Amino acid sequence: MSHLLVFSPYAMRPHLTFYEGTIAKACQVRGATVEYVLCDGLLPECDMHWDSMTKNISRPLDICEWCQAGSRARNAEMGLPTVGWASL
């Protein structure tokens, strides 16, 4: 049996998540064990909040919780399990 680990730091962006998710779901249907690794908010920079890099504006305090909750919900819609990076 194959195992597929997908690192998806951009799971809040539907156009990326559904593209990756389609490939992951196809592997799952063919018998692979699929698991998504999501960002745990431990990195100092965040592509979900570009202002932190371009305008030197700090990230909102709740952006990680907001992003993680949305990412888990989007993957749950596709029936794909998730795990946080720090859990590995």
Protein backbone atom coordinates (compact mmCIF):
# COMPACT_ATOMS: atom_id res chain seq x y z
CA MET A 1 0.00 0.00 0.00
CA SER A 2 1.28 3.49 -0.89
CA HIS A 3 1.43 6.43 1.47
CA LEU A 4 1.07 9.99 0.23
CA LEU A 5 1.99 12.94 2.42
CA VAL A 6 0.94 16.32 1.01
CA PHE A 7 2.43 19.50 2.47
CA SER A 8 -0.06 22.27 1.89
CA PRO A 9 0.75 25.63 3.47
CA TYR A 10 -1.83 27.29 1.22
CA ALA A 11 -4.86 25.18 2.05
CA MET A 12 -7.01 28.28 2.50
CA ARG A 13 -6.70 29.09 -1.19
CA PRO A 14 -9.39 27.04 -2.97
CA HIS A 15 -7.75 27.04 -6.41
CA LEU A 16 -4.66 25.38 -4.95
CA THR A 17 -6.37 23.10 -2.46
CA PHE A 18 -8.84 21.62 -4.91
CA TYR A 19 -6.10 21.05 -7.48
CA GLU A 20 -3.94 19.21 -4.93
CA GLY A 21 -7.00 17.58 -3.40
CA THR A 22 -8.10 16.11 -6.72
CA ILE A 23 -4.74 14.41 -7.15
CA ALA A 24 -4.70 13.26 -3.50
CA LYS A 25 -8.28 11.96 -3.73
CA ALA A 26 -7.45 10.02 -6.92
CA CYS A 27 -4.55 8.36 -5.08
CA GLN A 28 -6.80 7.61 -2.11
CA VAL A 29 -9.44 6.01 -4.34
CA ARG A 30 -6.69 3.81 -5.77
CA GLY A 31 -5.78 2.54 -2.30
CA ALA A 32 -3.13 4.99 -1.07
CA THR A 33 -3.16 6.31 2.46
CA VAL A 34 -3.29 10.10 2.12
CA GLU A 35 -2.55 12.68 4.79
CA TYR A 36 -2.26 16.45 4.50
CA VAL A 37 0.35 18.32 6.53
CA LEU A 38 -0.85 21.83 7.30
CA CYS A 39 1.06 24.85 8.51
CA ASP A 40 1.15 25.15 12.31
CA GLY A 41 1.87 28.87 12.25
CA LEU A 42 5.45 28.38 13.45
CA LEU A 43 7.11 30.10 10.50
CA PRO A 44 7.93 33.80 10.96
CA GLU A 45 6.56 34.81 7.54
CA CYS A 46 3.20 33.99 6.04
CA ASP A 47 2.07 34.11 2.43
CA MET A 48 -1.52 34.38 3.64
CA HIS A 49 -0.68 37.84 4.99
CA TRP A 50 1.53 39.54 2.39
CA ASP A 51 1.60 42.83 4.28
CA SER A 52 3.93 41.24 6.84
CA MET A 53 6.56 40.97 4.10
CA THR A 54 5.88 43.90 1.79
CA LYS A 55 4.75 46.68 4.13
CA ASN A 56 6.40 45.56 7.37
CA ILE A 57 3.00 45.22 9.06
CA SER A 58 2.72 42.52 11.70
CA ARG A 59 0.30 39.65 11.18
CA PRO A 60 -3.08 39.76 12.88
CA LEU A 61 -2.91 37.72 16.08
CA ASP A 62 -5.67 35.33 14.99
CA ILE A 63 -4.60 34.74 11.38
CA CYS A 64 -3.07 31.32 12.15
CA GLU A 65 -6.18 30.05 13.93
CA TRP A 66 -8.39 31.42 11.14
CA CYS A 67 -6.23 29.86 8.43
CA GLN A 68 -5.85 26.48 10.18
CA ALA A 69 -9.60 26.18 10.81
CA GLY A 70 -10.38 27.00 7.19
CA SER A 71 -7.72 24.62 5.91
CA ARG A 72 -9.04 21.74 8.02
CA ALA A 73 -12.61 22.46 6.89
CA ARG A 74 -11.63 22.55 3.21
CA ASN A 75 -9.78 19.23 3.48
CA ALA A 76 -12.68 17.71 5.43
CA GLU A 77 -14.97 18.64 2.51
CA MET A 78 -12.78 16.45 0.31
CA GLY A 79 -12.58 13.65 2.89
CA LEU A 80 -8.83 14.02 3.33
CA PRO A 81 -7.26 13.77 6.81
CA THR A 82 -4.96 16.51 8.08
CA VAL A 83 -2.12 16.71 10.57
CA GLY A 84 -0.13 19.70 11.82
CA TRP A 85 3.54 20.03 10.92
CA ALA A 86 4.64 19.97 14.57
CA SER A 87 2.82 16.65 15.02
CA LEU A 88 5.25 14.80 12.73
